[in-house]
Amino acid sequence: MRKRAVPERGDPKWHAMSDRTQASLPPLNRNRVGVPSVVAAHGTWRQILPQPNTAIVRAALSLTAAVSDAAAIICCALLSGIIYHRTAYDYFTVEVDDFIRQGCMMALLFVVPNIVRREYTVSRYLMFEGHIGQSFSLWNVAFASALIVGFLTKTSSEISRGTAVVFYVLGFSTIVLVRFVLVRIVHDQTRIGGVAARRIFLVGFEEDVERFNRDYDARSLGLRVVSSSVLHGPDTLQDDLALAAATARMMRPEDVFILVPWSQKETIEACVDAFLRVPASIHLGTERVLQQFSDFQVERLGPISSLHLVRRPLTTWEIIQKRFFDIVASAVGLVILAPFFAFMAILIKLDSPGPVFFMQRRYGFNQEPFRIFKFRSMTTLDDGSVVEQARENDVRITGIGRLMRKLNIDELPQLLNVLRGEMSLVGPRPHALAHDQQYERTIALYARRHNVKPGITGWAQVSGLRGETNTEEKMRSRVEYDLYYIDHWSMLFDIKILFLTVFSPKSYRNAR
């Protein structure tokens, strides 16, 4: 355990302590002549005194990130016009100012909302996760807004449709590339101390301080623990806090983290009261139960303050995006595949007696039942309280059915379910009602799969988790992938899954 930082006996902070606190302090250990132990523990006085360029460095990094996005958008707007006209017409006579003007408008529509949402802070550039999804959503909104502004001002005619398409793809790709490069630079520089880290001070019970140091790599998060103070219990609380506050004033941290269990209300109030006298931000450390929630945040609903643990699976805007994509893709798919559906219907009827389609009850969004459409691939049509899963070399599977299941062709009629709004192209695969009722009782959070619409394909399926779930462990693994999809949804994630459904060998693994 790291030692508590102790003020000099000649320091004014020493005299501010009670006699009891002074008597309980160990003799001051000097590792070097004239240098207190707290200085030796942290290297030099330069580490203790505040670094005047810290705020400047962070502001410069934030400005660089914003300017990089704006410059990338403007350059891509100009480059898109040049590329398209050179490729399509083999000449370039359009005024360059038109493309620069459109690029500036897009840069404004993209960068300003990011500034408002504090997306250019250094902490956002410590890891790449989340940048693609957030940028893609805002890029679509900015692009649509630019088209509307261009239509209303009658300036959209100056930019050809081909140029707009090239700009849409090139601009987004460049933004992602710029973000990736900046994240790598900031992350690498933070680890070696090249980027000014936020100076934090920890105060709490010994086990909580140790857990914080164990669970978090402060340096990789852009933080530097300048010192820690341990609370020993209610009997010495006031003296411990007096020493901790005096130490914090000497170490000059930017942030103080109070690592005390939330159930100990009086201890937390005493800590807050003690550190209100220190010129630093005060944070209440997270409870262990909150570590399973990655997006929790404090919200105010009028006069009501609450800790928001879990967001809706999809926001209203995300629902609109996903539904629009589903309607367009399923409608186009049904039109294109209509002759193929007729051909498959003939093969199924010739192969074995029975209907072309197999319809079975499944649970959809919010556990609302619906009937799923599939090409019939078996001789049986189970839809009761007991549904036997298909096994390897199952005699119930027809000849054409085996081929359809291997190539995922039997799932194509579910485009009808998607068009009707009962399913989505991508989502957790729906299971028979009998299987849902069985696993809900044995697998925690199984029913959470129904918080979004079921899909024709899903993250679990393209990861190789297909076929018979003859053990609870197999189903548990599948559920984990489904819940990961729900918690990390984005349109790009859906597109990635659709691509893998067609081209990844894992999507065809374990087909029965």
Protein backbone atom coordinates (compact mmCIF):
# COMPACT_ATOMS: atom_id res chain seq x y z
CA MET A 1 0.00 0.00 0.00
CA ARG A 2 1.39 3.41 -0.86
CA LYS A 3 2.30 5.63 2.10
CA ARG A 4 0.26 8.64 3.01
CA ALA A 5 1.79 11.95 2.04
CA VAL A 6 2.69 13.92 5.18
CA PRO A 7 3.30 17.70 5.41
CA GLU A 8 6.49 19.04 6.96
CA ARG A 9 6.35 19.69 10.70
CA GLY A 10 7.34 23.29 9.96
CA ASP A 11 4.66 23.66 7.31
CA PRO A 12 1.52 25.72 8.14
CA LYS A 13 -0.56 22.69 7.17
CA TRP A 14 1.07 20.78 10.02
CA HIS A 15 -0.13 23.31 12.56
CA ALA A 16 -3.62 23.22 11.08
CA MET A 17 -3.97 19.58 12.18
CA SER A 18 -5.27 18.55 15.56
CA ASP A 19 -2.86 17.45 18.29
CA ARG A 20 -4.25 13.94 18.02
CA THR A 21 -3.48 13.74 14.31
CA GLN A 22 0.05 15.09 14.79
CA ALA A 23 0.73 12.56 17.55
CA SER A 24 -0.44 9.68 15.37
CA LEU A 25 1.83 10.54 12.47
CA PRO A 26 5.00 8.47 12.01
CA PRO A 27 8.39 10.15 12.13
CA LEU A 28 9.13 11.97 8.90
CA ASN A 29 11.34 9.91 6.66
CA ARG A 30 13.78 11.87 4.52
CA ASN A 31 15.18 9.93 1.59
CA ARG A 32 17.31 12.86 0.49
CA VAL A 33 18.62 15.87 2.31
CA GLY A 34 15.91 18.50 2.62
CA VAL A 35 13.41 16.52 0.51
CA PRO A 36 10.29 15.08 2.19
CA SER A 37 9.35 11.46 1.46
CA VAL A 38 6.32 12.47 -0.59
CA VAL A 39 8.63 14.22 -3.04
CA ALA A 40 10.95 11.24 -3.29
CA ALA A 41 7.99 8.96 -3.90
CA HIS A 42 6.93 10.97 -6.92
CA GLY A 43 10.28 11.95 -8.34
CA THR A 44 10.78 15.72 -8.38
CA TRP A 45 9.09 18.90 -7.28
CA ARG A 46 8.10 19.39 -10.91
CA GLN A 47 5.65 16.51 -10.56
CA ILE A 48 4.12 18.03 -7.41
CA LEU A 49 3.73 21.58 -8.65
CA PRO A 50 1.01 22.10 -11.29
CA GLN A 51 2.24 22.11 -14.85
CA PRO A 52 1.16 25.42 -16.40
CA ASN A 53 0.99 24.01 -19.92
CA THR A 54 -1.45 21.18 -19.07
CA ALA A 55 -4.60 23.08 -20.04
CA ILE A 56 -2.86 24.52 -23.10
CA VAL A 57 -1.83 21.06 -24.33
CA ARG A 58 -5.34 19.67 -23.90
CA ALA A 59 -6.88 22.68 -25.62
CA ALA A 60 -4.39 22.32 -28.47
CA LEU A 61 -5.25 18.64 -28.88
CA SER A 62 -8.98 19.39 -28.91
CA LEU A 63 -8.47 22.18 -31.44
CA THR A 64 -6.33 19.87 -33.58
CA ALA A 65 -9.05 17.22 -33.58
CA ALA A 66 -11.74 19.71 -34.60
CA VAL A 67 -9.59 21.34 -37.27
CA SER A 68 -8.58 17.92 -38.62
CA ASP A 69 -12.22 16.95 -39.14
CA ALA A 70 -13.04 20.27 -40.78
CA ALA A 71 -9.97 20.18 -43.04
CA ALA A 72 -10.65 16.57 -44.04
CA ILE A 73 -14.24 17.42 -45.03
CA ILE A 74 -13.32 20.50 -47.06
CA CYS A 75 -10.46 18.71 -48.84
CA CYS A 76 -12.69 15.74 -49.64
CA ALA A 77 -15.39 18.02 -51.04
CA LEU A 78 -12.86 19.58 -53.42
CA LEU A 79 -11.21 16.27 -54.26
CA SER A 80 -14.59 14.58 -54.93
CA GLY A 81 -15.48 17.17 -57.56
CA ILE A 82 -12.12 16.82 -59.26
CA ILE A 83 -12.16 12.99 -59.21
CA TYR A 84 -15.72 12.69 -60.52
CA HIS A 85 -15.39 15.21 -63.34
CA ARG A 86 -12.00 13.90 -64.42
CA THR A 87 -13.30 10.32 -64.42
CA ALA A 88 -16.76 10.85 -65.90
CA TYR A 89 -16.06 13.69 -68.37
CA ASP A 90 -12.27 13.74 -68.71
CA TYR A 91 -12.29 17.48 -68.05
CA PHE A 92 -12.85 19.88 -65.17
CA THR A 93 -14.59 23.20 -65.80
CA VAL A 94 -16.67 23.61 -62.63
CA GLU A 95 -15.77 26.46 -60.31
CA VAL A 96 -13.64 25.23 -57.41
CA ASP A 97 -15.38 27.72 -55.12
CA ASP A 98 -18.60 25.69 -55.38
CA PHE A 99 -16.99 22.61 -53.89
CA ILE A 100 -15.14 24.56 -51.20
CA ARG A 101 -18.38 26.27 -50.21
CA GLN A 102 -20.20 22.95 -49.94
CA GLY A 103 -17.30 21.50 -47.96
CA CYS A 104 -17.37 24.42 -45.52
CA MET A 105 -21.09 23.93 -45.00
CA MET A 106 -20.63 20.21 -44.30
CA ALA A 107 -17.71 20.93 -41.98
CA LEU A 108 -19.88 23.38 -40.04
CA LEU A 109 -22.77 20.92 -39.78
CA PHE A 110 -20.44 18.14 -38.64
CA VAL A 111 -17.92 19.88 -36.37
CA VAL A 112 -20.22 22.22 -34.41
CA PRO A 113 -22.49 19.42 -33.07
CA ASN A 114 -19.34 17.49 -32.08
CA ILE A 115 -18.09 20.52 -30.16
CA VAL A 116 -21.42 20.87 -28.38
CA ARG A 117 -21.34 17.16 -27.46
CA ARG A 118 -17.73 17.48 -26.23
CA GLU A 119 -16.52 14.90 -28.74
CA TYR A 120 -13.15 16.62 -29.18
CA THR A 121 -11.96 16.21 -25.59
CA VAL A 122 -8.69 14.33 -25.05
CA SER A 123 -10.48 11.55 -23.17
CA ARG A 124 -12.51 10.71 -26.31
CA TYR A 125 -9.29 10.14 -28.25
CA LEU A 126 -7.79 7.64 -25.83
CA MET A 127 -9.56 4.76 -27.60
CA PHE A 128 -11.07 4.22 -31.06
CA GLU A 129 -14.19 2.42 -29.88
CA GLY A 130 -17.36 4.38 -30.62
CA HIS A 131 -15.84 6.79 -33.15
CA ILE A 132 -17.16 5.00 -36.25
CA GLY A 133 -20.75 4.67 -35.07
CA GLN A 134 -20.97 8.20 -33.70
CA SER A 135 -19.33 9.69 -36.80
CA PHE A 136 -21.54 7.69 -39.17
CA SER A 137 -24.77 8.86 -37.50
CA LEU A 138 -23.71 12.51 -37.44
CA TRP A 139 -22.33 12.33 -41.00
CA ASN A 140 -25.72 11.14 -42.28
CA VAL A 141 -27.54 13.91 -40.42
CA ALA A 142 -25.08 16.55 -41.65
CA PHE A 143 -25.26 15.27 -45.23
CA ALA A 144 -29.07 15.25 -45.23
CA SER A 145 -29.11 18.75 -43.70
CA ALA A 146 -26.70 20.01 -46.36
CA LEU A 147 -28.96 18.64 -49.12
CA ILE A 148 -31.99 20.35 -47.57
CA VAL A 149 -30.13 23.66 -47.26
CA GLY A 150 -28.92 23.32 -50.84
CA PHE A 151 -32.48 22.66 -52.04
CA LEU A 152 -33.93 25.62 -50.14
CA THR A 153 -31.21 28.01 -51.33
CA LYS A 154 -31.24 26.60 -54.88
CA THR A 155 -27.52 25.86 -54.75
CA SER A 156 -27.70 22.06 -54.91
CA SER A 157 -27.86 22.17 -58.72
CA GLU A 158 -24.27 23.39 -58.76
CA ILE A 159 -23.08 19.98 -57.45
CA SER A 160 -23.74 16.89 -59.56
CA ARG A 161 -25.24 13.74 -58.04
CA GLY A 162 -22.11 11.80 -58.91
CA THR A 163 -19.95 14.26 -57.02
CA ALA A 164 -22.29 14.05 -54.01
CA VAL A 165 -22.03 10.24 -53.91
CA VAL A 166 -18.24 10.33 -54.16
CA PHE A 167 -18.11 13.01 -51.45
CA TYR A 168 -20.38 11.00 -49.13
CA VAL A 169 -18.18 7.89 -49.30
CA LEU A 170 -14.80 9.63 -49.46
CA GLY A 171 -15.64 12.15 -46.74
CA PHE A 172 -16.78 9.60 -44.19
CA SER A 173 -13.87 7.27 -44.95
CA THR A 174 -11.38 10.10 -44.50
CA ILE A 175 -12.94 11.20 -41.20
CA VAL A 176 -12.63 7.64 -39.84
CA LEU A 177 -9.01 7.49 -41.01
CA VAL A 178 -8.17 10.84 -39.42
CA ARG A 179 -9.83 9.78 -36.15
CA PHE A 180 -7.90 6.51 -36.16
CA VAL A 181 -4.56 8.26 -36.65
CA LEU A 182 -5.28 10.83 -33.93
CA VAL A 183 -6.40 8.13 -31.48
CA ARG A 184 -3.17 6.21 -32.05
CA ILE A 185 -1.07 9.34 -31.56
CA VAL A 186 -2.88 10.46 -28.40
CA HIS A 187 -2.91 6.96 -26.93
CA ASP A 188 0.78 6.35 -27.59
CA GLN A 189 1.80 9.77 -26.31
CA THR A 190 -0.32 9.36 -23.19
CA ARG A 191 1.35 6.09 -22.26
CA ILE A 192 4.83 7.59 -22.48
CA GLY A 193 3.81 10.83 -20.77
CA GLY A 194 3.94 12.96 -23.91
CA VAL A 195 0.38 14.16 -23.42
CA ALA A 196 -0.38 16.07 -20.23
CA ALA A 197 -2.35 13.72 -17.99
CA ARG A 198 -5.03 14.83 -15.56
CA ARG A 199 -3.65 14.81 -12.03
CA ILE A 200 -5.97 12.87 -9.69
CA PHE A 201 -5.98 12.31 -5.94
CA LEU A 202 -7.57 9.22 -4.37
CA VAL A 203 -9.15 9.08 -0.94
CA GLY A 204 -11.02 6.12 0.50
CA PHE A 205 -10.74 2.91 2.43
CA GLU A 206 -7.69 0.80 1.74
CA GLU A 207 -9.45 -1.97 -0.17
CA ASP A 208 -11.31 0.52 -2.36
CA VAL A 209 -8.14 2.44 -3.23
CA GLU A 210 -6.34 -0.83 -4.04
CA ARG A 211 -9.26 -1.96 -6.20
CA PHE A 212 -9.19 1.31 -8.14
CA ASN A 213 -5.47 0.93 -8.85
CA ARG A 214 -5.98 -2.70 -9.81
CA ASP A 215 -8.99 -2.23 -12.08
CA TYR A 216 -7.87 0.87 -13.98
CA ASP A 217 -4.70 1.65 -15.90
CA ALA A 218 -4.63 5.35 -15.07
CA ARG A 219 -1.91 6.24 -17.56
CA SER A 220 -3.73 4.72 -20.52
CA LEU A 221 -6.82 6.73 -19.49
CA GLY A 222 -4.91 10.00 -19.51
CA LEU A 223 -4.74 10.16 -15.71
CA ARG A 224 -1.90 10.31 -13.19
CA VAL A 225 -2.45 9.44 -9.56
CA VAL A 226 -0.37 12.02 -7.71
CA SER A 227 -1.17 10.66 -4.24
CA SER A 228 -3.61 8.59 -2.17
CA SER A 229 -4.96 8.97 1.34
CA VAL A 230 -6.48 6.07 3.29
CA LEU A 231 -9.42 6.35 5.67
CA HIS A 232 -9.16 4.02 8.66
CA GLY A 233 -12.67 4.16 10.11
CA PRO A 234 -15.25 6.36 11.86
CA ASP A 235 -13.12 6.88 14.96
CA THR A 236 -10.33 8.64 13.06
CA LEU A 237 -12.40 9.96 10.14
CA GLN A 238 -12.02 13.68 10.85
CA ASP A 239 -8.28 13.42 11.45
CA ASP A 240 -7.83 11.25 8.33
CA LEU A 241 -9.73 13.80 6.24
CA ALA A 242 -7.78 16.72 7.67
CA LEU A 243 -4.54 15.01 6.66
CA ALA A 244 -5.97 14.04 3.24
CA ALA A 245 -7.15 17.59 2.50
CA ALA A 246 -3.79 19.05 3.57
CA THR A 247 -1.99 16.56 1.35
CA ALA A 248 -4.28 17.37 -1.59
CA ARG A 249 -3.62 21.08 -1.21
CA MET A 250 0.11 20.38 -1.37
CA MET A 251 -0.14 17.97 -4.33
CA ARG A 252 -2.53 20.28 -6.25
CA PRO A 253 -4.56 17.65 -8.13
CA GLU A 254 -7.16 18.61 -10.72
CA ASP A 255 -9.60 15.91 -9.62
CA VAL A 256 -10.32 14.18 -6.30
CA PHE A 257 -11.90 10.71 -6.36
CA ILE A 258 -13.80 9.70 -3.22
CA LEU A 259 -13.65 5.89 -3.13
CA VAL A 260 -16.21 5.10 -0.44
CA PRO A 261 -19.16 2.64 -0.70
CA TRP A 262 -22.32 4.57 -1.49
CA SER A 263 -24.10 3.00 1.45
CA GLN A 264 -21.90 5.01 3.83
CA LYS A 265 -23.73 8.29 3.36
CA GLU A 266 -22.24 10.08 6.38
CA THR A 267 -18.67 9.22 5.37
CA ILE A 268 -19.26 10.50 1.84
CA GLU A 269 -20.75 13.76 3.12
CA ALA A 270 -17.75 14.25 5.42
CA CYS A 271 -15.35 13.64 2.50
CA VAL A 272 -17.17 16.09 0.25
CA ASP A 273 -17.22 18.70 2.99
CA ALA A 274 -13.45 18.27 3.58
CA PHE A 275 -12.50 18.53 -0.10
CA LEU A 276 -14.76 21.46 -0.90
CA ARG A 277 -11.89 23.46 0.59
CA VAL A 278 -9.51 22.09 -2.07
CA PRO A 279 -9.46 23.79 -5.52
CA ALA A 280 -10.21 20.58 -7.46
CA SER A 281 -13.11 18.76 -9.08
CA ILE A 282 -14.72 16.18 -6.79
CA HIS A 283 -15.85 12.79 -8.09
CA LEU A 284 -17.71 10.04 -6.27
CA GLY A 285 -16.09 6.74 -7.26
CA THR A 286 -18.30 4.13 -8.90
CA GLU A 287 -19.79 1.22 -7.05
CA ARG A 288 -18.79 -2.27 -8.14
CA VAL A 289 -22.32 -2.96 -9.32
CA LEU A 290 -22.00 -0.12 -11.85
CA GLN A 291 -19.01 -1.71 -13.59
CA GLN A 292 -21.39 -3.91 -15.59
CA PHE A 293 -23.04 -0.79 -17.07
CA SER A 294 -20.79 0.98 -19.56
CA ASP A 295 -23.06 3.94 -20.37
CA PHE A 296 -24.56 4.95 -17.04
CA GLN A 297 -24.88 8.67 -16.42
CA VAL A 298 -26.61 11.13 -14.11
CA GLU A 299 -29.76 12.63 -15.60
CA ARG A 300 -32.23 15.23 -14.48
CA LEU A 301 -35.92 14.98 -15.36
CA GLY A 302 -37.15 18.32 -14.11
CA PRO A 303 -36.50 18.31 -10.34
CA ILE A 304 -35.81 14.56 -10.34
CA SER A 305 -32.17 13.42 -10.34
CA SER A 306 -31.48 9.83 -11.29
CA LEU A 307 -28.62 7.52 -12.19
CA HIS A 308 -29.39 6.33 -15.70
CA LEU A 309 -28.04 2.76 -15.84
CA VAL A 310 -29.33 1.37 -19.14
CA ARG A 311 -30.50 3.32 -22.17
CA ARG A 312 -33.30 2.21 -24.47
CA PRO A 313 -32.00 -0.47 -26.84
CA LEU A 314 -32.52 1.94 -29.73
CA THR A 315 -33.33 5.64 -29.70
CA THR A 316 -36.19 7.00 -31.80
CA TRP A 317 -33.77 8.18 -34.48
CA GLU A 318 -32.00 4.81 -34.52
CA ILE A 319 -35.35 3.00 -34.85
CA ILE A 320 -36.23 5.19 -37.83
CA GLN A 321 -32.85 4.50 -39.48
CA LYS A 322 -33.10 0.76 -38.98
CA ARG A 323 -36.73 0.53 -40.09
CA PHE A 324 -36.12 2.61 -43.22
CA PHE A 325 -33.19 0.37 -44.16
CA ASP A 326 -35.28 -2.77 -43.50
CA ILE A 327 -38.20 -1.59 -45.65
CA VAL A 328 -36.05 -0.59 -48.61
CA ALA A 329 -33.79 -3.67 -48.51
CA SER A 330 -36.59 -6.20 -47.95
CA ALA A 331 -38.80 -4.70 -50.68
CA VAL A 332 -35.95 -4.68 -53.19
CA GLY A 333 -34.93 -8.18 -52.14
CA LEU A 334 -38.44 -9.60 -52.59
CA VAL A 335 -38.76 -8.08 -56.06
CA ILE A 336 -35.37 -9.36 -57.20
CA LEU A 337 -35.82 -12.81 -55.63
CA ALA A 338 -39.41 -13.39 -56.84
CA PRO A 339 -38.36 -15.70 -59.75
CA PHE A 340 -36.01 -17.59 -57.41
CA PHE A 341 -38.83 -18.04 -54.87
CA ALA A 342 -41.01 -19.56 -57.60
CA PHE A 343 -38.20 -21.89 -58.61
CA MET A 344 -37.65 -23.01 -54.99
CA ALA A 345 -41.38 -23.59 -54.54
CA ILE A 346 -41.37 -26.00 -57.48
CA LEU A 347 -38.35 -27.88 -56.11
CA ILE A 348 -39.88 -28.18 -52.63
CA LYS A 349 -43.18 -29.53 -54.01
CA LEU A 350 -41.38 -32.03 -56.24
CA ASP A 351 -39.09 -33.20 -53.41
CA SER A 352 -41.72 -34.08 -50.78
CA PRO A 353 -45.43 -33.64 -50.06
CA GLY A 354 -46.47 -30.68 -47.96
CA PRO A 355 -46.69 -26.89 -48.09
CA VAL A 356 -43.97 -24.68 -49.60
CA PHE A 357 -43.72 -22.49 -46.53
CA PHE A 358 -43.20 -23.55 -42.93
CA MET A 359 -44.82 -21.11 -40.49
CA GLN A 360 -44.07 -21.36 -36.79
CA ARG A 361 -44.93 -19.15 -33.81
CA ARG A 362 -41.99 -17.16 -32.48
CA TYR A 363 -41.56 -14.29 -30.01
CA GLY A 364 -40.71 -10.92 -31.53
CA PHE A 365 -40.13 -7.47 -30.12
CA ASN A 366 -41.32 -7.15 -26.51
CA GLN A 367 -42.18 -10.89 -26.58
CA GLU A 368 -45.08 -10.30 -28.95
CA PRO A 369 -45.81 -13.56 -30.84
CA PHE A 370 -45.84 -13.73 -34.64
CA ARG A 371 -45.62 -16.42 -37.30
CA ILE A 372 -42.27 -16.72 -39.03
CA PHE A 373 -42.01 -17.65 -42.74
CA LYS A 374 -39.45 -20.21 -43.89
CA PHE A 375 -39.11 -22.51 -46.87
CA ARG A 376 -40.15 -25.96 -45.65
CA SER A 377 -37.00 -28.04 -45.22
CA MET A 378 -38.37 -30.91 -43.10
CA THR A 379 -41.16 -33.44 -43.33
CA THR A 380 -42.61 -32.30 -39.98
CA LEU A 381 -44.22 -28.99 -39.02
CA ASP A 382 -43.73 -28.89 -35.22
CA ASP A 383 -45.32 -25.88 -33.51
CA GLY A 384 -46.46 -27.04 -30.09
CA SER A 385 -45.25 -27.18 -26.52
CA VAL A 386 -42.48 -29.58 -27.56
CA VAL A 387 -40.31 -28.75 -30.57
CA GLU A 388 -37.42 -31.06 -31.38
CA GLN A 389 -34.38 -29.27 -32.79
CA ALA A 390 -32.80 -30.35 -36.04
CA ARG A 391 -29.75 -32.58 -35.51
CA GLU A 392 -26.90 -33.67 -37.73
CA ASN A 393 -28.10 -36.29 -40.25
CA ASP A 394 -31.69 -35.72 -39.08
CA VAL A 395 -34.00 -38.03 -41.07
CA ARG A 396 -36.76 -35.41 -41.00
CA ILE A 397 -34.76 -33.06 -43.26
CA THR A 398 -35.66 -33.39 -46.94
CA GLY A 399 -33.15 -33.64 -49.75
CA ILE A 400 -33.67 -30.10 -51.02
CA GLY A 401 -34.10 -28.98 -47.41
CA ARG A 402 -30.57 -30.04 -46.51
CA LEU A 403 -29.16 -27.90 -49.30
CA MET A 404 -31.34 -24.93 -48.37
CA ARG A 405 -30.31 -25.07 -44.71
CA LYS A 406 -26.65 -25.35 -45.59
CA LEU A 407 -26.81 -22.23 -47.77
CA ASN A 408 -29.28 -20.35 -45.51
CA ILE A 409 -31.79 -20.26 -48.37
CA ASP A 410 -34.65 -21.47 -46.15
CA GLU A 411 -34.51 -18.15 -44.24
CA LEU A 412 -35.15 -15.92 -47.29
CA PRO A 413 -38.97 -15.82 -46.98
CA GLN A 414 -38.48 -13.95 -43.71
CA LEU A 415 -38.07 -10.88 -45.91
CA LEU A 416 -41.88 -10.90 -45.73
CA ASN A 417 -41.70 -10.70 -41.93
CA VAL A 418 -39.24 -7.82 -42.25
CA LEU A 419 -41.50 -5.91 -44.65
CA ARG A 420 -44.45 -6.48 -42.31
CA GLY A 421 -42.46 -5.05 -39.39
CA GLU A 422 -42.32 -8.27 -37.36
CA MET A 423 -38.60 -8.79 -37.91
CA SER A 424 -35.48 -6.92 -38.95
CA LEU A 425 -32.76 -7.92 -41.38
CA VAL A 426 -30.31 -8.12 -38.46
CA GLY A 427 -31.05 -9.01 -34.87
CA PRO A 428 -31.11 -11.93 -32.42
CA ARG A 429 -32.45 -15.04 -34.14
CA PRO A 430 -35.95 -15.94 -32.89
CA HIS A 431 -36.40 -19.41 -31.40
CA ALA A 432 -39.49 -21.59 -31.09
CA LEU A 433 -41.78 -20.59 -28.22
CA ALA A 434 -41.07 -23.86 -26.44
CA HIS A 435 -37.32 -23.16 -26.44
CA ASP A 436 -37.81 -19.55 -25.30
CA GLN A 437 -39.88 -20.67 -22.34
CA GLN A 438 -37.28 -23.30 -21.46
CA TYR A 439 -34.21 -21.04 -21.54
CA GLU A 440 -35.85 -18.02 -19.87
CA ARG A 441 -35.92 -20.05 -16.65
CA THR A 442 -32.25 -21.08 -16.75
CA ILE A 443 -30.27 -18.30 -18.50
CA ALA A 444 -30.06 -14.85 -16.94
CA LEU A 445 -31.13 -11.97 -19.20
CA TYR A 446 -32.26 -14.42 -21.92
CA ALA A 447 -35.52 -12.50 -22.36
CA ARG A 448 -33.55 -9.28 -22.97
CA ARG A 449 -33.03 -10.58 -26.52
CA HIS A 450 -36.61 -9.48 -27.16
CA ASN A 451 -35.82 -5.81 -26.49
CA VAL A 452 -35.15 -5.46 -30.23
CA LYS A 453 -36.78 -7.05 -33.25
CA PRO A 454 -35.48 -10.53 -34.14
CA GLY A 455 -33.42 -10.79 -37.30
CA ILE A 456 -32.95 -13.00 -40.31
CA THR A 457 -29.28 -13.05 -39.39
CA GLY A 458 -27.38 -11.94 -36.32
CA TRP A 459 -24.02 -11.40 -34.66
CA ALA A 460 -24.12 -14.88 -33.10
CA GLN A 461 -24.80 -16.56 -36.44
CA VAL A 462 -21.97 -14.87 -38.34
CA SER A 463 -19.66 -15.76 -35.42
CA GLY A 464 -20.24 -19.47 -36.02
CA LEU A 465 -22.94 -20.06 -33.38
CA ARG A 466 -25.47 -21.87 -35.52
CA GLY A 467 -27.18 -25.21 -35.47
CA GLU A 468 -28.47 -27.32 -32.61
CA THR A 469 -28.18 -25.96 -29.07
CA ASN A 470 -28.15 -29.33 -27.35
CA THR A 471 -26.44 -27.94 -24.23
CA GLU A 472 -27.24 -24.94 -22.08
CA GLU A 473 -23.67 -23.69 -22.53
CA LYS A 474 -24.15 -23.40 -26.30
CA MET A 475 -27.30 -21.35 -25.84
CA ARG A 476 -25.62 -19.22 -23.18
CA SER A 477 -22.81 -18.37 -25.65
CA ARG A 478 -25.35 -17.44 -28.29
CA VAL A 479 -27.20 -15.19 -25.85
CA GLU A 480 -23.96 -13.41 -24.92
CA TYR A 481 -23.38 -12.53 -28.58
CA ASP A 482 -26.99 -11.35 -28.95
CA LEU A 483 -26.73 -9.08 -25.91
CA TYR A 484 -23.43 -7.68 -27.20
CA TYR A 485 -25.21 -6.80 -30.45
CA ILE A 486 -28.00 -5.01 -28.57
CA ASP A 487 -25.55 -2.98 -26.48
CA HIS A 488 -23.32 -2.01 -29.44
CA TRP A 489 -25.83 -1.52 -32.25
CA SER A 490 -25.09 0.81 -35.14
CA MET A 491 -26.02 0.87 -38.81
CA LEU A 492 -22.43 0.03 -39.69
CA PHE A 493 -22.62 -2.99 -37.38
CA ASP A 494 -25.74 -4.17 -39.23
CA ILE A 495 -24.05 -3.72 -42.60
CA LYS A 496 -20.99 -5.62 -41.36
CA ILE A 497 -23.18 -8.52 -40.19
CA LEU A 498 -25.03 -8.64 -43.53
CA PHE A 499 -21.71 -8.72 -45.37
CA LEU A 500 -20.39 -11.53 -43.15
CA THR A 501 -23.66 -13.46 -43.57
CA VAL A 502 -22.93 -13.80 -47.27
CA PHE A 503 -19.14 -13.99 -47.39
CA SER A 504 -17.90 -15.37 -44.06
CA PRO A 505 -17.35 -19.17 -43.83
CA LYS A 506 -18.48 -19.02 -40.17
CA SER A 507 -22.00 -18.12 -41.32
CA TYR A 508 -22.36 -21.57 -42.91
CA ARG A 509 -20.76 -23.51 -40.05
CA ASN A 510 -22.84 -26.12 -38.15
CA ALA A 511 -25.73 -25.91 -40.61
CA ARG A 512 -28.19 -28.78 -40.10
